[in-house]
Amino acid sequence: MAVGALVAVGPTTAGPAVAANDCTAPRWDVHPDLISTGTFSWGDGTAIRTAGYNDCTIVGRGYPNQGIDVHCSRQNDNGVWWVYARNTSTGKAGWASYSAVYTSGSVLPPRCS
């Protein structure tokens, strides 16, 4: 004879919803040029994105032989630092992962806001 347990099931509440990365959040539109000098360079094929998340649209790429103008930095909701930069060789501008751009020293650009 099989013996089973009867378990009462009541209404449940879901945990907090995890928001998707918002590539259009207004905070990614703020990128004042806070750096007047710098020795930054692109990594090899650095993605330039619409906002600071890996799943945001790529608008261009940066390569070591191309110029770069870094404006400021911002941390995303996942704790990853991004820099707003313009590829001065192609004119494409957007957000690049801080770990994908290089500088002489470990200088994090000023925060965007």
PDB file of N, CA and C in Angstrom:
ATOM      1  N   MET A   1       0.838  -1.151   0.000  1.00  0.00           N
ATOM      2  CA  MET A   1       0.000   0.000   0.000  1.00  0.00           C
ATOM      3  C   MET A   1       0.895   1.229   0.000  1.00  0.00           C
ATOM      4  N   ALA A   2       0.585   2.156  -0.856  1.00  0.00           N
ATOM      5  CA  ALA A   2       1.374   3.385  -0.954  1.00  0.00           C
ATOM      6  C   ALA A   2       0.830   4.421   0.000  1.00  0.00           C
ATOM      7  N   VAL A   3       1.737   5.102   0.661  1.00  0.00           N
ATOM      8  CA  VAL A   3       1.347   6.150   1.594  1.00  0.00           C
ATOM      9  C   VAL A   3       1.890   7.450   1.048  1.00  0.00           C
ATOM     10  N   GLY A   4       1.077   8.434   0.913  1.00  0.00           N
ATOM     11  CA  GLY A   4       1.531   9.726   0.387  1.00  0.00           C
ATOM     12  C   GLY A   4       1.136  10.840   1.313  1.00  0.00           C
ATOM     13  N   ALA A   5       1.732  11.929   1.103  1.00  0.00           N
ATOM     14  CA  ALA A   5       1.418  13.104   1.917  1.00  0.00           C
ATOM     15  C   ALA A   5       0.604  14.060   1.078  1.00  0.00           C
ATOM     16  N   LEU A   6      -0.333  14.675   1.674  1.00  0.00           N
ATOM     17  CA  LEU A   6      -1.140  15.676   1.015  1.00  0.00           C
ATOM     18  C   LEU A   6      -0.580  17.036   1.388  1.00  0.00           C
ATOM     19  N   VAL A   7      -0.258  17.798   0.406  1.00  0.00           N
ATOM     20  CA  VAL A   7       0.331  19.115   0.647  1.00  0.00           C
ATOM     21  C   VAL A   7      -0.652  20.166   0.174  1.00  0.00           C
ATOM     22  N   ALA A   8      -0.964  21.081   1.049  1.00  0.00           N
ATOM     23  CA  ALA A   8      -1.863  22.171   0.676  1.00  0.00           C
ATOM     24  C   ALA A   8      -1.076  23.201  -0.124  1.00  0.00           C
ATOM     25  N   VAL A   9      -1.671  23.645  -1.200  1.00  0.00           N
ATOM     26  CA  VAL A   9      -1.027  24.653  -2.042  1.00  0.00           C
ATOM     27  C   VAL A   9      -1.891  25.898  -2.002  1.00  0.00           C
ATOM     28  N   GLY A  10      -1.292  26.975  -1.562  1.00  0.00           N
ATOM     29  CA  GLY A  10      -2.016  28.238  -1.495  1.00  0.00           C
ATOM     30  C   GLY A  10      -1.436  29.214  -2.496  1.00  0.00           C
ATOM     31  N   PRO A  11      -1.959  30.408  -2.504  1.00  0.00           N
ATOM     32  CA  PRO A  11      -1.421  31.402  -3.432  1.00  0.00           C
ATOM     33  C   PRO A  11       0.035  31.697  -3.091  1.00  0.00           C
ATOM     34  N   THR A  12       0.810  31.934  -4.114  1.00  0.00           N
ATOM     35  CA  THR A  12       2.225  32.267  -3.928  1.00  0.00           C
ATOM     36  C   THR A  12       2.491  33.658  -4.470  1.00  0.00           C
ATOM     37  N   THR A  13       3.532  34.231  -3.966  1.00  0.00           N
ATOM     38  CA  THR A  13       3.938  35.535  -4.491  1.00  0.00           C
ATOM     39  C   THR A  13       5.308  35.365  -5.117  1.00  0.00           C
ATOM     40  N   ALA A  14       5.463  35.971  -6.222  1.00  0.00           N
ATOM     41  CA  ALA A  14       6.746  35.896  -6.916  1.00  0.00           C
ATOM     42  C   ALA A  14       7.733  36.818  -6.220  1.00  0.00           C
ATOM     43  N   GLY A  15       9.004  36.476  -6.347  1.00  0.00           N
ATOM     44  CA  GLY A  15      10.057  37.333  -5.804  1.00  0.00           C
ATOM     45  C   GLY A  15      10.138  38.604  -6.632  1.00  0.00           C
ATOM     46  N   PRO A  16      11.025  39.483  -6.263  1.00  0.00           N
ATOM     47  CA  PRO A  16      11.141  40.727  -7.018  1.00  0.00           C
ATOM     48  C   PRO A  16      11.527  40.449  -8.461  1.00  0.00           C
ATOM     49  N   ALA A  17      10.907  41.176  -9.354  1.00  0.00           N
ATOM     50  CA  ALA A  17      11.194  40.997 -10.769  1.00  0.00           C
ATOM     51  C   ALA A  17      12.577  41.564 -11.077  1.00  0.00           C
ATOM     52  N   VAL A  18      13.281  40.874 -11.927  1.00  0.00           N
ATOM     53  CA  VAL A  18      14.589  41.358 -12.359  1.00  0.00           C
ATOM     54  C   VAL A  18      14.371  42.108 -13.657  1.00  0.00           C
ATOM     55  N   ALA A  19      14.690  43.372 -13.626  1.00  0.00           N
ATOM     56  CA  ALA A  19      14.480  44.211 -14.812  1.00  0.00           C
ATOM     57  C   ALA A  19      15.489  43.854 -15.888  1.00  0.00           C
ATOM     58  N   ALA A  20      15.024  43.886 -17.103  1.00  0.00           N
ATOM     59  CA  ALA A  20      15.927  43.678 -18.229  1.00  0.00           C
ATOM     60  C   ALA A  20      16.835  44.893 -18.342  1.00  0.00           C
ATOM     61  N   ASN A  21      17.967  44.709 -18.945  1.00  0.00           N
ATOM     62  CA  ASN A  21      18.872  45.829 -19.147  1.00  0.00           C
ATOM     63  C   ASN A  21      18.179  46.863 -20.019  1.00  0.00           C
ATOM     64  N   ASP A  22      18.097  48.078 -19.527  1.00  0.00           N
ATOM     65  CA  ASP A  22      17.380  49.125 -20.250  1.00  0.00           C
ATOM     66  C   ASP A  22      18.360  49.952 -21.062  1.00  0.00           C
ATOM     67  N   CYS A  23      18.468  49.602 -22.305  1.00  0.00           N
ATOM     68  CA  CYS A  23      19.408  50.276 -23.198  1.00  0.00           C
ATOM     69  C   CYS A  23      18.957  51.689 -23.566  1.00  0.00           C
ATOM     70  N   THR A  24      17.740  52.061 -23.187  1.00  0.00           N
ATOM     71  CA  THR A  24      17.241  53.394 -23.527  1.00  0.00           C
ATOM     72  C   THR A  24      17.001  54.256 -22.299  1.00  0.00           C
ATOM     73  N   ALA A  25      17.487  53.826 -21.138  1.00  0.00           N
ATOM     74  CA  ALA A  25      17.300  54.608 -19.910  1.00  0.00           C
ATOM     75  C   ALA A  25      17.939  55.985 -20.070  1.00  0.00           C
ATOM     76  N   PRO A  26      17.266  57.029 -19.576  1.00  0.00           N
ATOM     77  CA  PRO A  26      17.784  58.396 -19.739  1.00  0.00           C
ATOM     78  C   PRO A  26      19.190  58.591 -19.183  1.00  0.00           C
ATOM     79  N   ARG A  27      19.578  57.844 -18.168  1.00  0.00           N
ATOM     80  CA  ARG A  27      20.910  58.047 -17.596  1.00  0.00           C
ATOM     81  C   ARG A  27      22.023  57.767 -18.597  1.00  0.00           C
ATOM     82  N   TRP A  28      21.774  56.945 -19.606  1.00  0.00           N
ATOM     83  CA  TRP A  28      22.795  56.655 -20.607  1.00  0.00           C
ATOM     84  C   TRP A  28      22.908  57.776 -21.638  1.00  0.00           C
ATOM     85  N   ASP A  29      21.993  58.751 -21.580  1.00  0.00           N
ATOM     86  CA  ASP A  29      22.068  59.908 -22.469  1.00  0.00           C
ATOM     87  C   ASP A  29      22.973  60.997 -21.913  1.00  0.00           C
ATOM     88  N   VAL A  30      23.395  60.869 -20.652  1.00  0.00           N
ATOM     89  CA  VAL A  30      24.219  61.883 -19.998  1.00  0.00           C
ATOM     90  C   VAL A  30      25.684  61.486 -20.131  1.00  0.00           C
ATOM     91  N   HIS A  31      26.438  62.279 -20.888  1.00  0.00           N
ATOM     92  CA  HIS A  31      27.850  61.955 -21.077  1.00  0.00           C
ATOM     93  C   HIS A  31      28.657  63.218 -21.390  1.00  0.00           C
ATOM     94  N   PRO A  32      28.744  64.115 -20.409  1.00  0.00           N
ATOM     95  CA  PRO A  32      29.517  65.338 -20.631  1.00  0.00           C
ATOM     96  C   PRO A  32      31.000  65.013 -20.821  1.00  0.00           C
ATOM     97  N   ASP A  33      31.676  65.825 -21.604  1.00  0.00           N
ATOM     98  CA  ASP A  33      33.103  65.614 -21.846  1.00  0.00           C
ATOM     99  C   ASP A  33      33.885  66.184 -20.669  1.00  0.00           C
ATOM    100  N   LEU A  34      34.211  65.334 -19.701  1.00  0.00           N
ATOM    101  CA  LEU A  34      34.865  65.764 -18.474  1.00  0.00           C
ATOM    102  C   LEU A  34      36.377  65.563 -18.496  1.00  0.00           C
ATOM    103  N   ILE A  35      36.907  65.087 -19.612  1.00  0.00           N
ATOM    104  CA  ILE A  35      38.337  64.816 -19.701  1.00  0.00           C
ATOM    105  C   ILE A  35      38.953  65.699 -20.772  1.00  0.00           C
ATOM    106  N   SER A  36      39.968  66.470 -20.406  1.00  0.00           N
ATOM    107  CA  SER A  36      40.609  67.333 -21.389  1.00  0.00           C
ATOM    108  C   SER A  36      41.849  66.680 -21.987  1.00  0.00           C
ATOM    109  N   THR A  37      42.435  65.744 -21.280  1.00  0.00           N
ATOM    110  CA  THR A  37      43.588  65.019 -21.824  1.00  0.00           C
ATOM    111  C   THR A  37      43.445  63.563 -21.428  1.00  0.00           C
ATOM    112  N   GLY A  38      44.202  62.742 -22.035  1.00  0.00           N
ATOM    113  CA  GLY A  38      44.148  61.334 -21.668  1.00  0.00           C
ATOM    114  C   GLY A  38      44.979  60.504 -22.616  1.00  0.00           C
ATOM    115  N   THR A  39      45.371  59.385 -22.143  1.00  0.00           N
ATOM    116  CA  THR A  39      46.175  58.486 -22.964  1.00  0.00           C
ATOM    117  C   THR A  39      45.426  57.179 -23.136  1.00  0.00           C
ATOM    118  N   PHE A  40      44.199  57.261 -23.570  1.00  0.00           N
ATOM    119  CA  PHE A  40      43.374  56.083 -23.783  1.00  0.00           C
ATOM    120  C   PHE A  40      43.584  55.538 -25.186  1.00  0.00           C
ATOM    121  N   SER A  41      43.326  54.261 -25.347  1.00  0.00           N
ATOM    122  CA  SER A  41      43.346  53.649 -26.679  1.00  0.00           C
ATOM    123  C   SER A  41      42.309  52.526 -26.702  1.00  0.00           C
ATOM    124  N   TRP A  42      41.864  52.209 -27.889  1.00  0.00           N
ATOM    125  CA  TRP A  42      40.883  51.140 -28.070  1.00  0.00           C
ATOM    126  C   TRP A  42      41.550  49.784 -27.939  1.00  0.00           C
ATOM    127  N   GLY A  43      40.781  48.801 -27.501  1.00  0.00           N
ATOM    128  CA  GLY A  43      41.209  47.409 -27.600  1.00  0.00           C
ATOM    129  C   GLY A  43      40.992  46.981 -29.050  1.00  0.00           C
ATOM    130  N   ASP A  44      41.218  45.738 -29.362  1.00  0.00           N
ATOM    131  CA  ASP A  44      41.073  45.260 -30.735  1.00  0.00           C
ATOM    132  C   ASP A  44      39.620  44.889 -31.021  1.00  0.00           C
ATOM    133  N   GLY A  45      38.911  45.781 -31.681  1.00  0.00           N
ATOM    134  CA  GLY A  45      37.508  45.534 -32.021  1.00  0.00           C
ATOM    135  C   GLY A  45      36.543  45.842 -30.898  1.00  0.00           C
ATOM    136  N   THR A  46      36.900  46.807 -30.047  1.00  0.00           N
ATOM    137  CA  THR A  46      36.049  47.183 -28.920  1.00  0.00           C
ATOM    138  C   THR A  46      34.667  47.607 -29.416  1.00  0.00           C
ATOM    139  N   ALA A  47      33.639  46.996 -28.868  1.00  0.00           N
ATOM    140  CA  ALA A  47      32.266  47.341 -29.239  1.00  0.00           C
ATOM    141  C   ALA A  47      31.892  48.690 -28.636  1.00  0.00           C
ATOM    142  N   ILE A  48      31.287  49.539 -29.454  1.00  0.00           N
ATOM    143  CA  ILE A  48      30.739  50.825 -29.021  1.00  0.00           C
ATOM    144  C   ILE A  48      29.228  50.640 -29.048  1.00  0.00           C
ATOM    145  N   ARG A  49      28.583  50.785 -27.886  1.00  0.00           N
ATOM    146  CA  ARG A  49      27.168  50.434 -27.751  1.00  0.00           C
ATOM    147  C   ARG A  49      26.294  51.639 -27.396  1.00  0.00           C
ATOM    148  N   THR A  50      24.994  51.462 -27.532  1.00  0.00           N
ATOM    149  CA  THR A  50      24.040  52.524 -27.222  1.00  0.00           C
ATOM    150  C   THR A  50      23.929  52.801 -25.734  1.00  0.00           C
ATOM    151  N   ALA A  51      24.277  51.830 -24.899  1.00  0.00           N
ATOM    152  CA  ALA A  51      24.254  51.973 -23.433  1.00  0.00           C
ATOM    153  C   ALA A  51      25.198  50.942 -22.842  1.00  0.00           C
ATOM    154  N   GLY A  52      25.410  51.025 -21.552  1.00  0.00           N
ATOM    155  CA  GLY A  52      26.411  50.209 -20.881  1.00  0.00           C
ATOM    156  C   GLY A  52      25.994  48.816 -20.481  1.00  0.00           C
ATOM    157  N   TYR A  53      25.549  48.032 -21.423  1.00  0.00           N
ATOM    158  CA  TYR A  53      25.240  46.618 -21.213  1.00  0.00           C
ATOM    159  C   TYR A  53      25.648  45.857 -22.462  1.00  0.00           C
ATOM    160  N   ASN A  54      26.108  44.627 -22.293  1.00  0.00           N
ATOM    161  CA  ASN A  54      26.563  43.843 -23.443  1.00  0.00           C
ATOM    162  C   ASN A  54      25.461  43.508 -24.434  1.00  0.00           C
ATOM    163  N   ASP A  55      24.196  43.594 -24.028  1.00  0.00           N
ATOM    164  CA  ASP A  55      23.129  43.267 -24.970  1.00  0.00           C
ATOM    165  C   ASP A  55      22.536  44.497 -25.656  1.00  0.00           C
ATOM    166  N   CYS A  56      23.120  45.665 -25.438  1.00  0.00           N
ATOM    167  CA  CYS A  56      22.661  46.874 -26.140  1.00  0.00           C
ATOM    168  C   CYS A  56      23.277  46.899 -27.541  1.00  0.00           C
ATOM    169  N   THR A  57      22.625  47.610 -28.435  1.00  0.00           N
ATOM    170  CA  THR A  57      23.022  47.649 -29.841  1.00  0.00           C
ATOM    171  C   THR A  57      24.434  48.181 -30.029  1.00  0.00           C
ATOM    172  N   ILE A  58      25.188  47.505 -30.879  1.00  0.00           N
ATOM    173  CA  ILE A  58      26.526  47.967 -31.253  1.00  0.00           C
ATOM    174  C   ILE A  58      26.376  48.982 -32.379  1.00  0.00           C
ATOM    175  N   VAL A  59      26.935  50.175 -32.189  1.00  0.00           N
ATOM    176  CA  VAL A  59      26.855  51.232 -33.199  1.00  0.00           C
ATOM    177  C   VAL A  59      28.170  51.405 -33.953  1.00  0.00           C
ATOM    178  N   GLY A  60      29.217  50.769 -33.470  1.00  0.00           N
ATOM    179  CA  GLY A  60      30.521  50.854 -34.117  1.00  0.00           C
ATOM    180  C   GLY A  60      31.535  50.045 -33.336  1.00  0.00           C
ATOM    181  N   ARG A  61      32.768  50.084 -33.797  1.00  0.00           N
ATOM    182  CA  ARG A  61      33.860  49.381 -33.119  1.00  0.00           C
ATOM    183  C   ARG A  61      35.096  50.274 -33.113  1.00  0.00           C
ATOM    184  N   GLY A  62      35.955  50.038 -32.131  1.00  0.00           N
ATOM    185  CA  GLY A  62      37.207  50.764 -32.041  1.00  0.00           C
ATOM    186  C   GLY A  62      38.376  49.805 -32.139  1.00  0.00           C
ATOM    187  N   TYR A  63      39.455  50.253 -32.787  1.00  0.00           N
ATOM    188  CA  TYR A  63      40.662  49.443 -32.976  1.00  0.00           C
ATOM    189  C   TYR A  63      41.875  50.242 -32.522  1.00  0.00           C
ATOM    190  N   PRO A  64      42.950  49.561 -32.120  1.00  0.00           N
ATOM    191  CA  PRO A  64      44.116  50.244 -31.568  1.00  0.00           C
ATOM    192  C   PRO A  64      44.692  51.356 -32.446  1.00  0.00           C
ATOM    193  N   ASN A  65      44.585  51.249 -33.743  1.00  0.00           N
ATOM    194  CA  ASN A  65      45.157  52.267 -34.629  1.00  0.00           C
ATOM    195  C   ASN A  65      44.213  53.450 -34.867  1.00  0.00           C
ATOM    196  N   GLN A  66      43.058  53.472 -34.204  1.00  0.00           N
ATOM    197  CA  GLN A  66      42.097  54.555 -34.365  1.00  0.00           C
ATOM    198  C   GLN A  66      42.110  55.461 -33.142  1.00  0.00           C
ATOM    199  N   GLY A  67      41.742  56.719 -33.356  1.00  0.00           N
ATOM    200  CA  GLY A  67      41.719  57.689 -32.264  1.00  0.00           C
ATOM    201  C   GLY A  67      40.524  57.496 -31.343  1.00  0.00           C
ATOM    202  N   ILE A  68      40.677  57.946 -30.102  1.00  0.00           N
ATOM    203  CA  ILE A  68      39.612  57.813 -29.111  1.00  0.00           C
ATOM    204  C   ILE A  68      39.526  59.084 -28.278  1.00  0.00           C
ATOM    205  N   ASP A  69      38.305  59.509 -28.007  1.00  0.00           N
ATOM    206  CA  ASP A  69      38.030  60.641 -27.120  1.00  0.00           C
ATOM    207  C   ASP A  69      37.093  60.128 -26.038  1.00  0.00           C
ATOM    208  N   VAL A  70      37.632  59.898 -24.834  1.00  0.00           N
ATOM    209  CA  VAL A  70      36.837  59.400 -23.715  1.00  0.00           C
ATOM    210  C   VAL A  70      36.259  60.593 -22.962  1.00  0.00           C
ATOM    211  N   HIS A  71      34.969  60.564 -22.665  1.00  0.00           N
ATOM    212  CA  HIS A  71      34.288  61.668 -21.989  1.00  0.00           C
ATOM    213  C   HIS A  71      34.145  61.466 -20.491  1.00  0.00           C
ATOM    214  N   CYS A  72      33.599  60.311 -20.087  1.00  0.00           N
ATOM    215  CA  CYS A  72      33.286  60.081 -18.676  1.00  0.00           C
ATOM    216  C   CYS A  72      32.955  58.605 -18.476  1.00  0.00           C
ATOM    217  N   SER A  73      32.689  58.211 -17.233  1.00  0.00           N
ATOM    218  CA  SER A  73      32.399  56.804 -16.931  1.00  0.00           C
ATOM    219  C   SER A  73      31.109  56.666 -16.129  1.00  0.00           C
ATOM    220  N   ARG A  74      30.540  55.481 -16.193  1.00  0.00           N
ATOM    221  CA  ARG A  74      29.305  55.178 -15.458  1.00  0.00           C
ATOM    222  C   ARG A  74      29.293  53.684 -15.165  1.00  0.00           C
ATOM    223  N   GLN A  75      28.757  53.332 -14.000  1.00  0.00           N
ATOM    224  CA  GLN A  75      28.631  51.926 -13.613  1.00  0.00           C
ATOM    225  C   GLN A  75      27.214  51.466 -13.897  1.00  0.00           C
ATOM    226  N   ASN A  76      27.070  50.286 -14.513  1.00  0.00           N
ATOM    227  CA  ASN A  76      25.717  49.789 -14.780  1.00  0.00           C
ATOM    228  C   ASN A  76      25.165  49.067 -13.551  1.00  0.00           C
ATOM    229  N   ASP A  77      23.945  48.568 -13.660  1.00  0.00           N
ATOM    230  CA  ASP A  77      23.268  47.909 -12.534  1.00  0.00           C
ATOM    231  C   ASP A  77      23.938  46.604 -12.114  1.00  0.00           C
ATOM    232  N   ASN A  78      24.817  46.077 -12.958  1.00  0.00           N
ATOM    233  CA  ASN A  78      25.520  44.837 -12.654  1.00  0.00           C
ATOM    234  C   ASN A  78      26.893  45.101 -12.040  1.00  0.00           C
ATOM    235  N   GLY A  79      27.216  46.374 -11.794  1.00  0.00           N
ATOM    236  CA  GLY A  79      28.493  46.726 -11.192  1.00  0.00           C
ATOM    237  C   GLY A  79      29.649  46.830 -12.166  1.00  0.00           C
ATOM    238  N   VAL A  80      29.360  46.825 -13.465  1.00  0.00           N
ATOM    239  CA  VAL A  80      30.396  46.898 -14.495  1.00  0.00           C
ATOM    240  C   VAL A  80      30.563  48.357 -14.927  1.00  0.00           C
ATOM    241  N   TRP A  81      31.818  48.799 -15.028  1.00  0.00           N
ATOM    242  CA  TRP A  81      32.105  50.177 -15.438  1.00  0.00           C
ATOM    243  C   TRP A  81      32.176  50.290 -16.956  1.00  0.00           C
ATOM    244  N   TRP A  82      31.612  51.385 -17.462  1.00  0.00           N
ATOM    245  CA  TRP A  82      31.601  51.696 -18.891  1.00  0.00           C
ATOM    246  C   TRP A  82      32.094  53.120 -19.077  1.00  0.00           C
ATOM    247  N   VAL A  83      32.647  53.405 -20.251  1.00  0.00           N
ATOM    248  CA  VAL A  83      33.064  54.774 -20.580  1.00  0.00           C
ATOM    249  C   VAL A  83      32.329  55.218 -21.831  1.00  0.00           C
ATOM    250  N   TYR A  84      31.982  56.511 -21.836  1.00  0.00           N
ATOM    251  CA  TYR A  84      31.425  57.071 -23.061  1.00  0.00           C
ATOM    252  C   TYR A  84      32.616  57.543 -23.874  1.00  0.00           C
ATOM    253  N   ALA A  85      32.708  57.089 -25.097  1.00  0.00           N
ATOM    254  CA  ALA A  85      33.855  57.423 -25.930  1.00  0.00           C
ATOM    255  C   ALA A  85      33.429  57.622 -27.376  1.00  0.00           C
ATOM    256  N   ARG A  86      34.211  58.422 -28.066  1.00  0.00           N
ATOM    257  CA  ARG A  86      33.982  58.656 -29.503  1.00  0.00           C
ATOM    258  C   ARG A  86      35.199  58.153 -30.254  1.00  0.00           C
ATOM    259  N   ASN A  87      34.950  57.392 -31.301  1.00  0.00           N
ATOM    260  CA  ASN A  87      36.023  56.955 -32.184  1.00  0.00           C
ATOM    261  C   ASN A  87      36.293  58.137 -33.116  1.00  0.00           C
ATOM    262  N   THR A  88      37.411  58.818 -32.926  1.00  0.00           N
ATOM    263  CA  THR A  88      37.689  60.029 -33.704  1.00  0.00           C
ATOM    264  C   THR A  88      38.059  59.708 -35.149  1.00  0.00           C
ATOM    265  N   SER A  89      38.310  58.449 -35.445  1.00  0.00           N
ATOM    266  CA  SER A  89      38.612  58.058 -36.824  1.00  0.00           C
ATOM    267  C   SER A  89      37.346  57.790 -37.636  1.00  0.00           C
ATOM    268  N   THR A  90      36.296  57.316 -36.968  1.00  0.00           N
ATOM    269  CA  THR A  90      35.058  56.980 -37.678  1.00  0.00           C
ATOM    270  C   THR A  90      33.890  57.903 -37.312  1.00  0.00           C
ATOM    271  N   GLY A  91      34.003  58.606 -36.187  1.00  0.00           N
ATOM    272  CA  GLY A  91      32.912  59.459 -35.725  1.00  0.00           C
ATOM    273  C   GLY A  91      31.868  58.728 -34.903  1.00  0.00           C
ATOM    274  N   LYS A  92      31.979  57.420 -34.772  1.00  0.00           N
ATOM    275  CA  LYS A  92      31.007  56.656 -33.987  1.00  0.00           C
ATOM    276  C   LYS A  92      31.248  56.900 -32.505  1.00  0.00           C
ATOM    277  N   ALA A  93      30.157  57.094 -31.751  1.00  0.00           N
ATOM    278  CA  ALA A  93      30.269  57.366 -30.321  1.00  0.00           C
ATOM    279  C   ALA A  93      29.258  56.529 -29.564  1.00  0.00           C
ATOM    280  N   GLY A  94      29.610  56.192 -28.329  1.00  0.00           N
ATOM    281  CA  GLY A  94      28.717  55.426 -27.477  1.00  0.00           C
ATOM    282  C   GLY A  94      29.482  54.888 -26.292  1.00  0.00           C
ATOM    283  N   TRP A  95      28.972  53.813 -25.728  1.00  0.00           N
ATOM    284  CA  TRP A  95      29.498  53.248 -24.490  1.00  0.00           C
ATOM    285  C   TRP A  95      30.364  52.030 -24.770  1.00  0.00           C
ATOM    286  N   ALA A  96      31.549  52.022 -24.169  1.00  0.00           N
ATOM    287  CA  ALA A  96      32.477  50.896 -24.301  1.00  0.00           C
ATOM    288  C   ALA A  96      32.811  50.393 -22.905  1.00  0.00           C
ATOM    289  N   SER A  97      32.943  49.103 -22.771  1.00  0.00           N
ATOM    290  CA  SER A  97      33.323  48.539 -21.487  1.00  0.00           C
ATOM    291  C   SER A  97      34.687  49.097 -21.087  1.00  0.00           C
ATOM    292  N   TYR A  98      34.788  49.539 -19.838  1.00  0.00           N
ATOM    293  CA  TYR A  98      36.046  50.100 -19.357  1.00  0.00           C
ATOM    294  C   TYR A  98      37.183  49.086 -19.491  1.00  0.00           C
ATOM    295  N   SER A  99      36.869  47.814 -19.336  1.00  0.00           N
ATOM    296  CA  SER A  99      37.901  46.784 -19.440  1.00  0.00           C
ATOM    297  C   SER A  99      38.372  46.582 -20.880  1.00  0.00           C
ATOM    298  N   ALA A 100      37.689  47.177 -21.850  1.00  0.00           N
ATOM    299  CA  ALA A 100      38.060  47.011 -23.259  1.00  0.00           C
ATOM    300  C   ALA A 100      38.801  48.209 -23.829  1.00  0.00           C
ATOM    301  N   VAL A 101      38.991  49.248 -23.025  1.00  0.00           N
ATOM    302  CA  VAL A 101      39.815  50.381 -23.464  1.00  0.00           C
ATOM    303  C   VAL A 101      41.046  50.424 -22.566  1.00  0.00           C
ATOM    304  N   TYR A 102      42.108  50.957 -23.089  1.00  0.00           N
ATOM    305  CA  TYR A 102      43.376  50.933 -22.365  1.00  0.00           C
ATOM    306  C   TYR A 102      43.861  52.339 -22.067  1.00  0.00           C
ATOM    307  N   THR A 103      44.603  52.457 -20.980  1.00  0.00           N
ATOM    308  CA  THR A 103      45.191  53.724 -20.592  1.00  0.00           C
ATOM    309  C   THR A 103      46.529  53.445 -19.933  1.00  0.00           C
ATOM    310  N   SER A 104      47.374  54.446 -19.914  1.00  0.00           N
ATOM    311  CA  SER A 104      48.660  54.259 -19.225  1.00  0.00           C
ATOM    312  C   SER A 104      48.409  54.479 -17.744  1.00  0.00           C
ATOM    313  N   GLY A 105      48.148  53.415 -17.042  1.00  0.00           N
ATOM    314  CA  GLY A 105      47.772  53.481 -15.641  1.00  0.00           C
ATOM    315  C   GLY A 105      46.323  53.055 -15.499  1.00  0.00           C
ATOM    316  N   SER A 106      45.893  52.864 -14.303  1.00  0.00           N
ATOM    317  CA  SER A 106      44.511  52.439 -14.086  1.00  0.00           C
ATOM    318  C   SER A 106      43.682  53.637 -13.673  1.00  0.00           C
ATOM    319  N   VAL A 107      43.394  54.486 -14.621  1.00  0.00           N
ATOM    320  CA  VAL A 107      42.666  55.715 -14.357  1.00  0.00           C
ATOM    321  C   VAL A 107      41.226  55.540 -14.818  1.00  0.00           C
ATOM    322  N   LEU A 108      40.300  55.578 -13.879  1.00  0.00           N
ATOM    323  CA  LEU A 108      38.893  55.541 -14.238  1.00  0.00           C
ATOM    324  C   LEU A 108      38.470  56.983 -14.514  1.00  0.00           C
ATOM    325  N   PRO A 109      37.938  57.242 -15.696  1.00  0.00           N
ATOM    326  CA  PRO A 109      37.512  58.607 -16.005  1.00  0.00           C
ATOM    327  C   PRO A 109      36.468  59.113 -15.008  1.00  0.00           C
ATOM    328  N   PRO A 110      36.325  60.430 -14.869  1.00  0.00           N
ATOM    329  CA  PRO A 110      35.320  60.977 -13.961  1.00  0.00           C
ATOM    330  C   PRO A 110      33.940  60.426 -14.293  1.00  0.00           C
ATOM    331  N   ARG A 111      33.100  60.318 -13.262  1.00  0.00           N
ATOM    332  CA  ARG A 111      31.733  59.833 -13.470  1.00  0.00           C
ATOM    333  C   ARG A 111      30.940  60.835 -14.295  1.00  0.00           C
ATOM    334  N   CYS A 112      30.049  60.299 -15.130  1.00  0.00           N
ATOM    335  CA  CYS A 112      29.247  61.159 -16.009  1.00  0.00           C
ATOM    336  C   CYS A 112      28.318  62.069 -15.231  1.00  0.00           C
ATOM    337  N   SER A 113      27.771  61.583 -14.153  1.00  0.00           N
ATOM    338  CA  SER A 113      26.895  62.427 -13.309  1.00  0.00           C
ATOM    339  C   SER A 113      26.700  61.764 -11.981  1.00  0.00           C
TER     340      SER A 113
END
